[in-house]
Amino acid sequence: ACVRRAIEVALVREAQDDEVAHGLALIDELETTEGMSPGRSLELYCLFLLNLNEFSYLD
């Protein structure tokens, strides 16, 4: 639920199921391979979302 909501807030559109699955996989990988806490891995995922080209706004 957090991943879906993060996508929707950051990108101002409905999250696609494959995007949510990718986000969950990335968070799981950060927790298992890097030993990050769930909160820290979600925080890094949110930073990832903010760095997507789709998020960028050019005037």
N, C-alpha and C. Protein backbone atom coordinates (compact mmCIF):
# COMPACT_ATOMS: atom_id res chain seq x y z
N ALA A 1 0.82 -1.19 0.00
CA ALA A 1 0.00 0.00 0.00
C ALA A 1 0.87 1.25 0.00
N CYS A 2 1.98 1.23 0.71
CA CYS A 2 2.86 2.40 0.76
C CYS A 2 3.49 2.69 -0.59
N VAL A 3 3.89 1.65 -1.30
CA VAL A 3 4.52 1.83 -2.61
C VAL A 3 3.51 2.41 -3.59
N ARG A 4 2.33 1.86 -3.62
CA ARG A 4 1.28 2.36 -4.53
C ARG A 4 0.99 3.83 -4.23
N ARG A 5 0.85 4.16 -2.97
CA ARG A 5 0.54 5.54 -2.59
C ARG A 5 1.70 6.48 -2.93
N ALA A 6 2.93 6.03 -2.72
CA ALA A 6 4.10 6.86 -3.04
C ALA A 6 4.14 7.19 -4.53
N ILE A 7 3.85 6.21 -5.36
CA ILE A 7 3.82 6.44 -6.81
C ILE A 7 2.73 7.44 -7.16
N GLU A 8 1.56 7.25 -6.58
CA GLU A 8 0.43 8.13 -6.89
C GLU A 8 0.69 9.56 -6.44
N VAL A 9 1.31 9.74 -5.30
CA VAL A 9 1.60 11.09 -4.81
C VAL A 9 2.71 11.74 -5.64
N ALA A 10 3.77 11.01 -5.91
CA ALA A 10 4.91 11.59 -6.63
C ALA A 10 4.60 11.87 -8.09
N LEU A 11 3.86 10.99 -8.73
CA LEU A 11 3.64 11.12 -10.17
C LEU A 11 2.26 11.63 -10.54
N VAL A 12 1.42 11.84 -9.54
CA VAL A 12 0.07 12.39 -9.71
C VAL A 12 -0.72 11.62 -10.77
N ARG A 13 -0.70 10.32 -10.63
CA ARG A 13 -1.48 9.43 -11.50
C ARG A 13 -1.62 8.10 -10.79
N GLU A 14 -2.50 7.26 -11.33
CA GLU A 14 -2.71 5.94 -10.75
C GLU A 14 -1.48 5.07 -10.99
N ALA A 15 -1.08 4.33 -9.97
CA ALA A 15 0.07 3.44 -10.09
C ALA A 15 -0.32 2.19 -10.87
N GLN A 16 0.56 1.75 -11.74
CA GLN A 16 0.35 0.51 -12.49
C GLN A 16 0.83 -0.67 -11.62
N ASP A 17 0.21 -1.82 -11.81
CA ASP A 17 0.56 -3.00 -11.01
C ASP A 17 2.02 -3.39 -11.17
N ASP A 18 2.57 -3.27 -12.39
CA ASP A 18 3.97 -3.64 -12.60
C ASP A 18 4.92 -2.67 -11.90
N GLU A 19 4.53 -1.41 -11.80
CA GLU A 19 5.34 -0.43 -11.08
C GLU A 19 5.36 -0.75 -9.59
N VAL A 20 4.22 -1.13 -9.06
CA VAL A 20 4.14 -1.49 -7.64
C VAL A 20 4.99 -2.73 -7.38
N ALA A 21 4.88 -3.72 -8.25
CA ALA A 21 5.67 -4.95 -8.10
C ALA A 21 7.17 -4.64 -8.15
N HIS A 22 7.57 -3.77 -9.07
CA HIS A 22 8.98 -3.38 -9.17
C HIS A 22 9.43 -2.67 -7.90
N GLY A 23 8.59 -1.77 -7.39
CA GLY A 23 8.93 -1.06 -6.17
C GLY A 23 9.08 -1.99 -4.97
N LEU A 24 8.16 -2.93 -4.85
CA LEU A 24 8.24 -3.89 -3.75
C LEU A 24 9.48 -4.75 -3.86
N ALA A 25 9.83 -5.15 -5.08
CA ALA A 25 11.04 -5.96 -5.29
C ALA A 25 12.29 -5.17 -4.93
N LEU A 26 12.32 -3.90 -5.31
CA LEU A 26 13.48 -3.06 -5.00
C LEU A 26 13.62 -2.87 -3.49
N ILE A 27 12.52 -2.61 -2.82
CA ILE A 27 12.55 -2.44 -1.37
C ILE A 27 13.00 -3.72 -0.69
N ASP A 28 12.49 -4.86 -1.15
CA ASP A 28 12.89 -6.15 -0.58
C ASP A 28 14.38 -6.39 -0.79
N GLU A 29 14.88 -6.05 -1.96
CA GLU A 29 16.30 -6.24 -2.24
C GLU A 29 17.16 -5.35 -1.33
N LEU A 30 16.75 -4.12 -1.13
CA LEU A 30 17.50 -3.23 -0.24
C LEU A 30 17.53 -3.78 1.19
N GLU A 31 16.43 -4.36 1.61
CA GLU A 31 16.36 -4.91 2.97
C GLU A 31 17.19 -6.18 3.11
N THR A 32 17.15 -7.06 2.10
CA THR A 32 17.84 -8.35 2.23
C THR A 32 19.32 -8.26 1.89
N THR A 33 19.67 -7.58 0.81
CA THR A 33 21.08 -7.56 0.41
C THR A 33 21.88 -6.45 1.07
N GLU A 34 21.22 -5.33 1.38
CA GLU A 34 21.92 -4.20 1.98
C GLU A 34 21.68 -4.09 3.48
N GLY A 35 20.76 -4.89 4.01
CA GLY A 35 20.48 -4.89 5.44
C GLY A 35 19.79 -3.63 5.94
N MET A 36 19.08 -2.95 5.06
CA MET A 36 18.39 -1.72 5.45
C MET A 36 17.09 -2.03 6.19
N SER A 37 16.70 -1.10 7.02
CA SER A 37 15.42 -1.23 7.71
C SER A 37 14.30 -0.96 6.71
N PRO A 38 13.09 -1.44 7.01
CA PRO A 38 11.96 -1.17 6.11
C PRO A 38 11.73 0.33 5.88
N GLY A 39 11.88 1.12 6.91
CA GLY A 39 11.69 2.57 6.78
C GLY A 39 12.72 3.21 5.88
N ARG A 40 13.97 2.82 6.04
CA ARG A 40 15.05 3.39 5.22
C ARG A 40 14.91 2.95 3.77
N SER A 41 14.55 1.71 3.53
CA SER A 41 14.41 1.24 2.15
C SER A 41 13.24 1.94 1.46
N LEU A 42 12.16 2.20 2.17
CA LEU A 42 11.03 2.94 1.60
C LEU A 42 11.44 4.39 1.32
N GLU A 43 12.22 4.96 2.22
CA GLU A 43 12.71 6.33 2.02
C GLU A 43 13.54 6.43 0.75
N LEU A 44 14.43 5.48 0.53
CA LEU A 44 15.24 5.49 -0.69
C LEU A 44 14.40 5.26 -1.93
N TYR A 45 13.36 4.45 -1.81
CA TYR A 45 12.46 4.25 -2.95
C TYR A 45 11.75 5.55 -3.30
N CYS A 46 11.34 6.30 -2.30
CA CYS A 46 10.69 7.59 -2.55
C CYS A 46 11.65 8.56 -3.23
N LEU A 47 12.90 8.56 -2.83
CA LEU A 47 13.90 9.39 -3.51
C LEU A 47 14.08 8.95 -4.96
N PHE A 48 14.04 7.65 -5.19
CA PHE A 48 14.09 7.11 -6.55
C PHE A 48 12.95 7.68 -7.39
N LEU A 49 11.74 7.69 -6.83
CA LEU A 49 10.58 8.22 -7.55
C LEU A 49 10.78 9.68 -7.92
N LEU A 50 11.34 10.45 -7.00
CA LEU A 50 11.53 11.87 -7.26
C LEU A 50 12.60 12.14 -8.32
N ASN A 51 13.40 11.14 -8.62
CA ASN A 51 14.44 11.30 -9.63
C ASN A 51 14.04 10.75 -10.99
N LEU A 52 12.83 10.24 -11.11
CA LEU A 52 12.35 9.76 -12.41
C LEU A 52 12.14 10.93 -13.36
N ASN A 53 12.39 10.71 -14.64
CA ASN A 53 12.13 11.74 -15.64
C ASN A 53 10.67 12.16 -15.63
N GLU A 54 9.79 11.24 -15.35
CA GLU A 54 8.35 11.52 -15.32
C GLU A 54 8.00 12.56 -14.25
N PHE A 55 8.77 12.60 -13.19
CA PHE A 55 8.52 13.55 -12.11
C PHE A 55 9.02 14.94 -12.47
N SER A 56 10.07 15.03 -13.28
CA SER A 56 10.69 16.31 -13.61
C SER A 56 9.72 17.25 -14.29
N TYR A 57 9.81 18.51 -13.93
CA TYR A 57 8.96 19.54 -14.53
C TYR A 57 9.87 20.59 -15.15
N LEU A 58 9.69 20.82 -16.41
CA LEU A 58 10.46 21.85 -17.10
C LEU A 58 9.52 22.97 -17.50
N ASP A 59 9.96 24.18 -17.28
CA ASP A 59 9.13 25.33 -17.64
C ASP A 59 9.64 25.97 -18.91
